[in-house]
Structure formats: C-alpha cells, structure tokens
C-alpha cells in the first residue's frame, strides 16, 4: 500500500473518531454498534496498527449517527441532496456484496 492510500485511510479514521467523540460515543458503544470488540475499535483508531474500518462498518456508523457518509470521504465538498441519495444507493449496493 502506498503512502497516499495510508494517509487517506488515516484521515477517514480520524474523521470517524472525531465524529464519535463529538457525539459522545465511547469506543465500547461503537464496538457494540459494529459487532466487534472494543479492542478492535481501539486498534483501528491507533495509527500504530494497520487495522481499518470496512465500508460496511463506515456505512453502519454513519447510519447510526445520522451522518452523511460522503462527508467522511469528501469532507470539504458540498453535496446536493439528490447526489447524496445516489451516493447512499451506491454504497448500499457495494456493501451488499462486500
């Protein structure tokens, strides 16, 4: 994996961590939401480990927190509501085959 991929993945993880903390969700609660261990959430959020969230997990987090998934991947872009619906449809289709 190249440095650009790792940097982008780290930004996604940091974005989710910030969202989690801002919404007052503990790592334990997030692990319960995702059906994974608290330690796994800790490993994902720790930059020393190569663990990453799956697209399905990111989708689950965003749905639980009622947060647009495109803001995780494209935080600086303003997305029109009709595009947001299309993004969600594509993500749902991808997650179904994950």
PDB file of N, CA and C in Angstrom:
ATOM      1  N   UNK A   1       0.845  -1.168   0.000  1.00  0.00           N
ATOM      2  CA  UNK A   1       0.000   0.000   0.000  1.00  0.00           C
ATOM      3  C   UNK A   1       0.894   1.235   0.000  1.00  0.00           C
ATOM      4  N   UNK A   2       0.535   2.229  -0.810  1.00  0.00           N
ATOM      5  CA  UNK A   2       1.391   3.403  -0.880  1.00  0.00           C
ATOM      6  C   UNK A   2       1.018   4.434   0.180  1.00  0.00           C
ATOM      7  N   UNK A   3       1.882   5.433   0.341  1.00  0.00           N
ATOM      8  CA  UNK A   3       1.706   6.439   1.392  1.00  0.00           C
ATOM      9  C   UNK A   3       0.435   7.251   1.219  1.00  0.00           C
ATOM     10  N   UNK A   4       0.025   7.512  -0.025  1.00  0.00           N
ATOM     11  CA  UNK A   4      -1.196   8.286  -0.269  1.00  0.00           C
ATOM     12  C   UNK A   4      -2.414   7.517   0.248  1.00  0.00           C
ATOM     13  N   UNK A   5      -2.465   6.212  -0.021  1.00  0.00           N
ATOM     14  CA  UNK A   5      -3.575   5.380   0.455  1.00  0.00           C
ATOM     15  C   UNK A   5      -3.635   5.378   1.974  1.00  0.00           C
ATOM     16  N   UNK A   6      -2.483   5.207   2.604  1.00  0.00           N
ATOM     17  CA  UNK A   6      -2.422   5.169   4.060  1.00  0.00           C
ATOM     18  C   UNK A   6      -2.842   6.515   4.629  1.00  0.00           C
ATOM     19  N   UNK A   7      -2.371   7.620   4.057  1.00  0.00           N
ATOM     20  CA  UNK A   7      -2.750   8.949   4.529  1.00  0.00           C
ATOM     21  C   UNK A   7      -4.256   9.153   4.420  1.00  0.00           C
ATOM     22  N   UNK A   8      -4.836   8.744   3.308  1.00  0.00           N
ATOM     23  CA  UNK A   8      -6.279   8.898   3.111  1.00  0.00           C
ATOM     24  C   UNK A   8      -7.048   8.051   4.116  1.00  0.00           C
ATOM     25  N   UNK A   9      -6.624   6.798   4.304  1.00  0.00           N
ATOM     26  CA  UNK A   9      -7.285   5.915   5.265  1.00  0.00           C
ATOM     27  C   UNK A   9      -7.189   6.496   6.681  1.00  0.00           C
ATOM     28  N   UNK A  10      -6.034   7.053   7.009  1.00  0.00           N
ATOM     29  CA  UNK A  10      -5.868   7.667   8.331  1.00  0.00           C
ATOM     30  C   UNK A  10      -6.806   8.859   8.494  1.00  0.00           C
ATOM     31  N   UNK A  11      -7.006   9.647   7.439  1.00  0.00           N
ATOM     32  CA  UNK A  11      -7.929  10.785   7.501  1.00  0.00           C
ATOM     33  C   UNK A  11      -9.362  10.312   7.716  1.00  0.00           C
ATOM     34  N   UNK A  12      -9.738   9.234   7.051  1.00  0.00           N
ATOM     35  CA  UNK A  12     -11.079   8.672   7.232  1.00  0.00           C
ATOM     36  C   UNK A  12     -11.252   8.210   8.675  1.00  0.00           C
ATOM     37  N   UNK A  13     -10.274   7.501   9.212  1.00  0.00           N
ATOM     38  CA  UNK A  13     -10.340   7.008  10.588  1.00  0.00           C
ATOM     39  C   UNK A  13     -10.414   8.173  11.570  1.00  0.00           C
ATOM     40  N   UNK A  14      -9.595   9.198  11.364  1.00  0.00           N
ATOM     41  CA  UNK A  14      -9.623  10.368  12.246  1.00  0.00           C
ATOM     42  C   UNK A  14     -10.961  11.096  12.171  1.00  0.00           C
ATOM     43  N   UNK A  15     -11.528  11.150  10.987  1.00  0.00           N
ATOM     44  CA  UNK A  15     -12.829  11.781  10.799  1.00  0.00           C
ATOM     45  C   UNK A  15     -13.904  11.029  11.585  1.00  0.00           C
ATOM     46  N   UNK A  16     -13.871   9.709  11.508  1.00  0.00           N
ATOM     47  CA  UNK A  16     -14.842   8.893  12.250  1.00  0.00           C
ATOM     48  C   UNK A  16     -14.603   9.027  13.752  1.00  0.00           C
ATOM     49  N   UNK A  17     -13.355   9.032  14.170  1.00  0.00           N
ATOM     50  CA  UNK A  17     -13.048   9.184  15.597  1.00  0.00           C
ATOM     51  C   UNK A  17     -13.560  10.526  16.109  1.00  0.00           C
ATOM     52  N   UNK A  18     -13.333  11.603  15.355  1.00  0.00           N
ATOM     53  CA  UNK A  18     -13.805  12.923  15.754  1.00  0.00           C
ATOM     54  C   UNK A  18     -15.323  12.933  15.848  1.00  0.00           C
ATOM     55  N   UNK A  19     -15.982  12.352  14.872  1.00  0.00           N
ATOM     56  CA  UNK A  19     -17.431  12.263  14.884  1.00  0.00           C
ATOM     57  C   UNK A  19     -17.902  11.477  16.113  1.00  0.00           C
ATOM     58  N   UNK A  20     -17.245  10.369  16.390  1.00  0.00           N
ATOM     59  CA  UNK A  20     -17.587   9.546  17.553  1.00  0.00           C
ATOM     60  C   UNK A  20     -17.453  10.343  18.842  1.00  0.00           C
ATOM     61  N   UNK A  21     -16.323  11.011  19.006  1.00  0.00           N
ATOM     62  CA  UNK A  21     -16.065  11.785  20.218  1.00  0.00           C
ATOM     63  C   UNK A  21     -17.040  12.967  20.325  1.00  0.00           C
ATOM     64  N   UNK A  22     -17.245  13.681  19.211  1.00  0.00           N
ATOM     65  CA  UNK A  22     -18.165  14.829  19.217  1.00  0.00           C
ATOM     66  C   UNK A  22     -19.589  14.425  19.586  1.00  0.00           C
ATOM     67  N   UNK A  23     -19.971  13.218  19.214  1.00  0.00           N
ATOM     68  CA  UNK A  23     -21.328  12.731  19.503  1.00  0.00           C
ATOM     69  C   UNK A  23     -21.413  12.007  20.855  1.00  0.00           C
ATOM     70  N   UNK A  24     -20.276  11.958  21.573  1.00  0.00           N
ATOM     71  CA  UNK A  24     -20.278  11.344  22.898  1.00  0.00           C
ATOM     72  C   UNK A  24     -20.407   9.836  22.882  1.00  0.00           C
ATOM     73  N   UNK A  25     -19.922   9.202  21.815  1.00  0.00           N
ATOM     74  CA  UNK A  25     -19.977   7.750  21.686  1.00  0.00           C
ATOM     75  C   UNK A  25     -18.628   7.169  22.125  1.00  0.00           C
ATOM     76  N   UNK A  26     -18.663   6.261  23.072  1.00  0.00           N
ATOM     77  CA  UNK A  26     -17.424   5.625  23.536  1.00  0.00           C
ATOM     78  C   UNK A  26     -16.980   4.561  22.540  1.00  0.00           C
ATOM     79  N   UNK A  27     -15.723   4.140  22.675  1.00  0.00           N
ATOM     80  CA  UNK A  27     -15.241   3.035  21.852  1.00  0.00           C
ATOM     81  C   UNK A  27     -16.046   1.780  22.156  1.00  0.00           C
ATOM     82  N   UNK A  28     -16.419   1.598  23.406  1.00  0.00           N
ATOM     83  CA  UNK A  28     -17.209   0.425  23.787  1.00  0.00           C
ATOM     84  C   UNK A  28     -18.574   0.445  23.096  1.00  0.00           C
ATOM     85  N   UNK A  29     -19.227   1.605  23.065  1.00  0.00           N
ATOM     86  CA  UNK A  29     -20.524   1.711  22.404  1.00  0.00           C
ATOM     87  C   UNK A  29     -20.375   1.494  20.901  1.00  0.00           C
ATOM     88  N   UNK A  30     -19.327   2.063  20.299  1.00  0.00           N
ATOM     89  CA  UNK A  30     -19.103   1.879  18.868  1.00  0.00           C
ATOM     90  C   UNK A  30     -18.854   0.412  18.555  1.00  0.00           C
ATOM     91  N   UNK A  31     -18.104  -0.266  19.405  1.00  0.00           N
ATOM     92  CA  UNK A  31     -17.850  -1.693  19.172  1.00  0.00           C
ATOM     93  C   UNK A  31     -19.152  -2.478  19.229  1.00  0.00           C
ATOM     94  N   UNK A  32     -20.054  -2.086  20.132  1.00  0.00           N
ATOM     95  CA  UNK A  32     -21.363  -2.737  20.237  1.00  0.00           C
ATOM     96  C   UNK A  32     -22.184  -2.494  18.965  1.00  0.00           C
ATOM     97  N   UNK A  33     -22.154  -1.269  18.471  1.00  0.00           N
ATOM     98  CA  UNK A  33     -22.882  -0.904  17.251  1.00  0.00           C
ATOM     99  C   UNK A  33     -22.385  -1.726  16.064  1.00  0.00           C
ATOM    100  N   UNK A  34     -21.067  -1.904  15.989  1.00  0.00           N
ATOM    101  CA  UNK A  34     -20.449  -2.597  14.854  1.00  0.00           C
ATOM    102  C   UNK A  34     -20.380  -4.113  15.033  1.00  0.00           C
ATOM    103  N   UNK A  35     -20.588  -4.578  16.244  1.00  0.00           N
ATOM    104  CA  UNK A  35     -20.489  -6.014  16.488  1.00  0.00           C
ATOM    105  C   UNK A  35     -19.061  -6.516  16.474  1.00  0.00           C
ATOM    106  N   UNK A  36     -18.140  -5.658  16.920  1.00  0.00           N
ATOM    107  CA  UNK A  36     -16.724  -6.032  17.013  1.00  0.00           C
ATOM    108  C   UNK A  36     -16.260  -5.745  18.439  1.00  0.00           C
ATOM    109  N   UNK A  37     -15.060  -6.186  18.765  1.00  0.00           N
ATOM    110  CA  UNK A  37     -14.559  -5.956  20.123  1.00  0.00           C
ATOM    111  C   UNK A  37     -14.116  -4.505  20.305  1.00  0.00           C
ATOM    112  N   UNK A  38     -14.145  -4.067  21.561  1.00  0.00           N
ATOM    113  CA  UNK A  38     -13.683  -2.714  21.881  1.00  0.00           C
ATOM    114  C   UNK A  38     -12.206  -2.569  21.514  1.00  0.00           C
ATOM    115  N   UNK A  39     -11.466  -3.646  21.726  1.00  0.00           N
ATOM    116  CA  UNK A  39     -10.048  -3.636  21.377  1.00  0.00           C
ATOM    117  C   UNK A  39      -9.825  -3.415  19.891  1.00  0.00           C
ATOM    118  N   UNK A  40     -10.708  -3.960  19.067  1.00  0.00           N
ATOM    119  CA  UNK A  40     -10.570  -3.766  17.623  1.00  0.00           C
ATOM    120  C   UNK A  40     -10.806  -2.303  17.254  1.00  0.00           C
ATOM    121  N   UNK A  41     -11.796  -1.674  17.884  1.00  0.00           N
ATOM    122  CA  UNK A  41     -12.017  -0.239  17.639  1.00  0.00           C
ATOM    123  C   UNK A  41     -10.779   0.540  18.062  1.00  0.00           C
ATOM    124  N   UNK A  42     -10.228   0.191  19.219  1.00  0.00           N
ATOM    125  CA  UNK A  42      -9.001   0.852  19.685  1.00  0.00           C
ATOM    126  C   UNK A  42      -7.849   0.672  18.711  1.00  0.00           C
ATOM    127  N   UNK A  43      -7.712  -0.527  18.171  1.00  0.00           N
ATOM    128  CA  UNK A  43      -6.651  -0.784  17.196  1.00  0.00           C
ATOM    129  C   UNK A  43      -6.860   0.018  15.912  1.00  0.00           C
ATOM    130  N   UNK A  44      -8.121   0.124  15.479  1.00  0.00           N
ATOM    131  CA  UNK A  44      -8.407   0.897  14.267  1.00  0.00           C
ATOM    132  C   UNK A  44      -8.042   2.360  14.490  1.00  0.00           C
ATOM    133  N   UNK A  45      -8.377   2.894  15.655  1.00  0.00           N
ATOM    134  CA  UNK A  45      -8.119   4.310  15.929  1.00  0.00           C
ATOM    135  C   UNK A  45      -6.662   4.603  16.273  1.00  0.00           C
ATOM    136  N   UNK A  46      -5.872   3.572  16.523  1.00  0.00           N
ATOM    137  CA  UNK A  46      -4.464   3.752  16.865  1.00  0.00           C
ATOM    138  C   UNK A  46      -3.628   3.696  15.585  1.00  0.00           C
ATOM    139  N   UNK A  47      -2.938   4.784  15.233  1.00  0.00           N
ATOM    140  CA  UNK A  47      -2.176   4.806  13.980  1.00  0.00           C
ATOM    141  C   UNK A  47      -1.018   3.801  13.916  1.00  0.00           C
ATOM    142  N   UNK A  48      -0.646   3.212  15.047  1.00  0.00           N
ATOM    143  CA  UNK A  48       0.446   2.217  15.035  1.00  0.00           C
ATOM    144  C   UNK A  48       0.007   0.897  14.421  1.00  0.00           C
ATOM    145  N   UNK A  49      -1.308   0.677  14.325  1.00  0.00           N
ATOM    146  CA  UNK A  49      -1.826  -0.578  13.790  1.00  0.00           C
ATOM    147  C   UNK A  49      -2.392  -0.377  12.394  1.00  0.00           C
ATOM    148  N   UNK A  50      -2.384  -1.437  11.622  1.00  0.00           N
ATOM    149  CA  UNK A  50      -2.848  -1.333  10.233  1.00  0.00           C
ATOM    150  C   UNK A  50      -4.337  -1.652  10.088  1.00  0.00           C
ATOM    151  N   UNK A  51      -5.041  -1.839  11.202  1.00  0.00           N
ATOM    152  CA  UNK A  51      -6.475  -2.140  11.129  1.00  0.00           C
ATOM    153  C   UNK A  51      -7.229  -0.954  10.534  1.00  0.00           C
ATOM    154  N   UNK A  52      -8.231  -1.247   9.730  1.00  0.00           N
ATOM    155  CA  UNK A  52      -9.049  -0.213   9.097  1.00  0.00           C
ATOM    156  C   UNK A  52     -10.518  -0.598   9.212  1.00  0.00           C
ATOM    157  N   UNK A  53     -11.382   0.399   9.121  1.00  0.00           N
ATOM    158  CA  UNK A  53     -12.813   0.121   9.042  1.00  0.00           C
ATOM    159  C   UNK A  53     -13.140  -0.385   7.646  1.00  0.00           C
ATOM    160  N   UNK A  54     -14.118  -1.267   7.561  1.00  0.00           N
ATOM    161  CA  UNK A  54     -14.627  -1.685   6.259  1.00  0.00           C
ATOM    162  C   UNK A  54     -15.671  -0.661   5.815  1.00  0.00           C
ATOM    163  N   UNK A  55     -16.002  -0.678   4.549  1.00  0.00           N
ATOM    164  CA  UNK A  55     -17.035   0.221   4.046  1.00  0.00           C
ATOM    165  C   UNK A  55     -18.361  -0.060   4.755  1.00  0.00           C
ATOM    166  N   UNK A  56     -18.649  -1.324   5.000  1.00  0.00           N
ATOM    167  CA  UNK A  56     -19.875  -1.686   5.705  1.00  0.00           C
ATOM    168  C   UNK A  56     -19.894  -1.083   7.111  1.00  0.00           C
ATOM    169  N   UNK A  57     -18.769  -1.117   7.803  1.00  0.00           N
ATOM    170  CA  UNK A  57     -18.694  -0.538   9.135  1.00  0.00           C
ATOM    171  C   UNK A  57     -18.873   0.982   9.090  1.00  0.00           C
ATOM    172  N   UNK A  58     -18.256   1.620   8.113  1.00  0.00           N
ATOM    173  CA  UNK A  58     -18.405   3.078   7.973  1.00  0.00           C
ATOM    174  C   UNK A  58     -19.857   3.423   7.681  1.00  0.00           C
ATOM    175  N   UNK A  59     -20.480   2.648   6.812  1.00  0.00           N
ATOM    176  CA  UNK A  59     -21.896   2.857   6.495  1.00  0.00           C
ATOM    177  C   UNK A  59     -22.752   2.700   7.752  1.00  0.00           C
ATOM    178  N   UNK A  60     -22.474   1.682   8.540  1.00  0.00           N
ATOM    179  CA  UNK A  60     -23.220   1.436   9.780  1.00  0.00           C
ATOM    180  C   UNK A  60     -23.056   2.604  10.752  1.00  0.00           C
ATOM    181  N   UNK A  61     -21.838   3.086  10.907  1.00  0.00           N
ATOM    182  CA  UNK A  61     -21.559   4.216  11.798  1.00  0.00           C
ATOM    183  C   UNK A  61     -22.352   5.443  11.348  1.00  0.00           C
ATOM    184  N   UNK A  62     -22.280   5.742  10.067  1.00  0.00           N
ATOM    185  CA  UNK A  62     -22.957   6.930   9.535  1.00  0.00           C
ATOM    186  C   UNK A  62     -24.471   6.828   9.691  1.00  0.00           C
ATOM    187  N   UNK A  63     -25.015   5.653   9.447  1.00  0.00           N
ATOM    188  CA  UNK A  63     -26.464   5.477   9.611  1.00  0.00           C
ATOM    189  C   UNK A  63     -26.854   5.613  11.083  1.00  0.00           C
ATOM    190  N   UNK A  64     -26.083   5.018  11.970  1.00  0.00           N
ATOM    191  CA  UNK A  64     -26.382   5.094  13.395  1.00  0.00           C
ATOM    192  C   UNK A  64     -26.343   6.543  13.884  1.00  0.00           C
ATOM    193  N   UNK A  65     -25.364   7.301  13.410  1.00  0.00           N
ATOM    194  CA  UNK A  65     -25.195   8.688  13.856  1.00  0.00           C
ATOM    195  C   UNK A  65     -25.934   9.693  12.972  1.00  0.00           C
ATOM    196  N   UNK A  66     -26.688   9.183  11.979  1.00  0.00           N
ATOM    197  CA  UNK A  66     -27.418  10.034  11.050  1.00  0.00           C
ATOM    198  C   UNK A  66     -26.484  11.097  10.457  1.00  0.00           C
ATOM    199  N   UNK A  67     -25.375  10.590   9.906  1.00  0.00           N
ATOM    200  CA  UNK A  67     -24.334  11.462   9.349  1.00  0.00           C
ATOM    201  C   UNK A  67     -24.092  11.041   7.901  1.00  0.00           C
ATOM    202  N   UNK A  68     -24.088  12.002   6.969  1.00  0.00           N
ATOM    203  CA  UNK A  68     -23.892  11.658   5.555  1.00  0.00           C
ATOM    204  C   UNK A  68     -22.526  11.005   5.310  1.00  0.00           C
ATOM    205  N   UNK A  69     -22.536   9.816   4.749  1.00  0.00           N
ATOM    206  CA  UNK A  69     -21.296   9.067   4.529  1.00  0.00           C
ATOM    207  C   UNK A  69     -20.338   9.822   3.606  1.00  0.00           C
ATOM    208  N   UNK A  70     -20.888  10.575   2.667  1.00  0.00           N
ATOM    209  CA  UNK A  70     -19.996  11.310   1.755  1.00  0.00           C
ATOM    210  C   UNK A  70     -19.147  12.342   2.492  1.00  0.00           C
ATOM    211  N   UNK A  71     -19.599  12.816   3.647  1.00  0.00           N
ATOM    212  CA  UNK A  71     -18.800  13.770   4.428  1.00  0.00           C
ATOM    213  C   UNK A  71     -17.585  13.101   5.057  1.00  0.00           C
ATOM    214  N   UNK A  72     -17.641  11.785   5.214  1.00  0.00           N
ATOM    215  CA  UNK A  72     -16.476  11.051   5.714  1.00  0.00           C
ATOM    216  C   UNK A  72     -15.396  11.018   4.641  1.00  0.00           C
ATOM    217  N   UNK A  73     -15.816  10.750   3.404  1.00  0.00           N
ATOM    218  CA  UNK A  73     -14.859  10.591   2.312  1.00  0.00           C
ATOM    219  C   UNK A  73     -14.527  11.890   1.594  1.00  0.00           C
ATOM    220  N   UNK A  74     -15.458  12.837   1.574  1.00  0.00           N
ATOM    221  CA  UNK A  74     -15.271  14.117   0.875  1.00  0.00           C
ATOM    222  C   UNK A  74     -15.666  15.257   1.811  1.00  0.00           C
ATOM    223  N   UNK A  75     -14.915  15.464   2.885  1.00  0.00           N
ATOM    224  CA  UNK A  75     -15.338  16.405   3.923  1.00  0.00           C
ATOM    225  C   UNK A  75     -15.440  17.867   3.472  1.00  0.00           C
ATOM    226  N   UNK A  76     -14.729  18.243   2.455  1.00  0.00           N
ATOM    227  CA  UNK A  76     -14.712  19.644   2.033  1.00  0.00           C
ATOM    228  C   UNK A  76     -15.676  19.954   0.899  1.00  0.00           C
ATOM    229  N   UNK A  77     -16.407  18.954   0.446  1.00  0.00           N
ATOM    230  CA  UNK A  77     -17.333  19.160  -0.670  1.00  0.00           C
ATOM    231  C   UNK A  77     -18.760  19.342  -0.163  1.00  0.00           C
ATOM    232  N   UNK A  78     -19.487  20.204  -0.875  1.00  0.00           N
ATOM    233  CA  UNK A  78     -20.904  20.360  -0.607  1.00  0.00           C
ATOM    234  C   UNK A  78     -21.627  19.477  -1.614  1.00  0.00           C
ATOM    235  N   UNK A  79     -22.401  18.546  -1.111  1.00  0.00           N
ATOM    236  CA  UNK A  79     -23.086  17.573  -1.950  1.00  0.00           C
ATOM    237  C   UNK A  79     -24.579  17.902  -1.970  1.00  0.00           C
ATOM    238  N   UNK A  80     -25.143  18.012  -3.174  1.00  0.00           N
ATOM    239  CA  UNK A  80     -26.577  18.266  -3.318  1.00  0.00           C
ATOM    240  C   UNK A  80     -27.360  17.073  -2.777  1.00  0.00           C
ATOM    241  N   UNK A  81     -28.529  17.322  -2.192  1.00  0.00           N
ATOM    242  CA  UNK A  81     -29.320  16.222  -1.611  1.00  0.00           C
ATOM    243  C   UNK A  81     -29.583  15.069  -2.582  1.00  0.00           C
ATOM    244  N   UNK A  82     -29.876  15.381  -3.844  1.00  0.00           N
ATOM    245  CA  UNK A  82     -30.138  14.299  -4.795  1.00  0.00           C
ATOM    246  C   UNK A  82     -28.876  13.476  -5.063  1.00  0.00           C
ATOM    247  N   UNK A  83     -27.719  14.105  -4.980  1.00  0.00           N
ATOM    248  CA  UNK A  83     -26.464  13.362  -5.133  1.00  0.00           C
ATOM    249  C   UNK A  83     -26.200  12.508  -3.897  1.00  0.00           C
ATOM    250  N   UNK A  84     -26.570  13.021  -2.748  1.00  0.00           N
ATOM    251  CA  UNK A  84     -26.408  12.273  -1.503  1.00  0.00           C
ATOM    252  C   UNK A  84     -27.220  10.975  -1.553  1.00  0.00           C
ATOM    253  N   UNK A  85     -28.425  11.053  -2.096  1.00  0.00           N
ATOM    254  CA  UNK A  85     -29.251   9.853  -2.239  1.00  0.00           C
ATOM    255  C   UNK A  85     -28.588   8.845  -3.171  1.00  0.00           C
ATOM    256  N   UNK A  86     -27.996   9.342  -4.252  1.00  0.00           N
ATOM    257  CA  UNK A  86     -27.314   8.458  -5.196  1.00  0.00           C
ATOM    258  C   UNK A  86     -26.088   7.822  -4.548  1.00  0.00           C
ATOM    259  N   UNK A  87     -25.346   8.601  -3.780  1.00  0.00           N
ATOM    260  CA  UNK A  87     -24.173   8.076  -3.076  1.00  0.00           C
ATOM    261  C   UNK A  87     -24.612   6.955  -2.129  1.00  0.00           C
ATOM    262  N   UNK A  88     -25.670   7.192  -1.379  1.00  0.00           N
ATOM    263  CA  UNK A  88     -26.160   6.175  -0.442  1.00  0.00           C
ATOM    264  C   UNK A  88     -26.596   4.909  -1.164  1.00  0.00           C
ATOM    265  N   UNK A  89     -27.210   5.061  -2.328  1.00  0.00           N
ATOM    266  CA  UNK A  89     -27.632   3.892  -3.107  1.00  0.00           C
ATOM    267  C   UNK A  89     -26.421   3.092  -3.573  1.00  0.00           C
ATOM    268  N   UNK A  90     -25.387   3.782  -4.030  1.00  0.00           N
ATOM    269  CA  UNK A  90     -24.159   3.104  -4.489  1.00  0.00           C
ATOM    270  C   UNK A  90     -23.487   2.403  -3.313  1.00  0.00           C
ATOM    271  N   UNK A  91     -23.365   3.099  -2.191  1.00  0.00           N
ATOM    272  CA  UNK A  91     -22.735   2.499  -1.006  1.00  0.00           C
ATOM    273  C   UNK A  91     -23.502   1.257  -0.573  1.00  0.00           C
ATOM    274  N   UNK A  92     -24.823   1.355  -0.531  1.00  0.00           N
ATOM    275  CA  UNK A  92     -25.638   0.208  -0.131  1.00  0.00           C
ATOM    276  C   UNK A  92     -25.423  -0.983  -1.068  1.00  0.00           C
ATOM    277  N   UNK A  93     -25.309  -0.699  -2.349  1.00  0.00           N
ATOM    278  CA  UNK A  93     -25.068  -1.774  -3.318  1.00  0.00           C
ATOM    279  C   UNK A  93     -23.712  -2.416  -3.116  1.00  0.00           C
ATOM    280  N   UNK A  94     -22.714  -1.604  -2.865  1.00  0.00           N
ATOM    281  CA  UNK A  94     -21.359  -2.129  -2.643  1.00  0.00           C
ATOM    282  C   UNK A  94     -21.330  -2.956  -1.360  1.00  0.00           C
ATOM    283  N   UNK A  95     -21.919  -2.425  -0.293  1.00  0.00           N
ATOM    284  CA  UNK A  95     -21.914  -3.112   1.000  1.00  0.00           C
ATOM    285  C   UNK A  95     -22.596  -4.462   0.905  1.00  0.00           C
ATOM    286  N   UNK A  96     -23.642  -4.539   0.101  1.00  0.00           N
ATOM    287  CA  UNK A  96     -24.369  -5.794  -0.061  1.00  0.00           C
ATOM    288  C   UNK A  96     -23.447  -6.903  -0.589  1.00  0.00           C
ATOM    289  N   UNK A  97     -22.460  -6.549  -1.383  1.00  0.00           N
ATOM    290  CA  UNK A  97     -21.560  -7.544  -1.990  1.00  0.00           C
ATOM    291  C   UNK A  97     -20.225  -7.655  -1.287  1.00  0.00           C
ATOM    292  N   UNK A  98     -20.030  -6.918  -0.222  1.00  0.00           N
ATOM    293  CA  UNK A  98     -18.755  -6.907   0.495  1.00  0.00           C
ATOM    294  C   UNK A  98     -18.445  -8.242   1.121  1.00  0.00           C
TER     295      UNK A  98
END
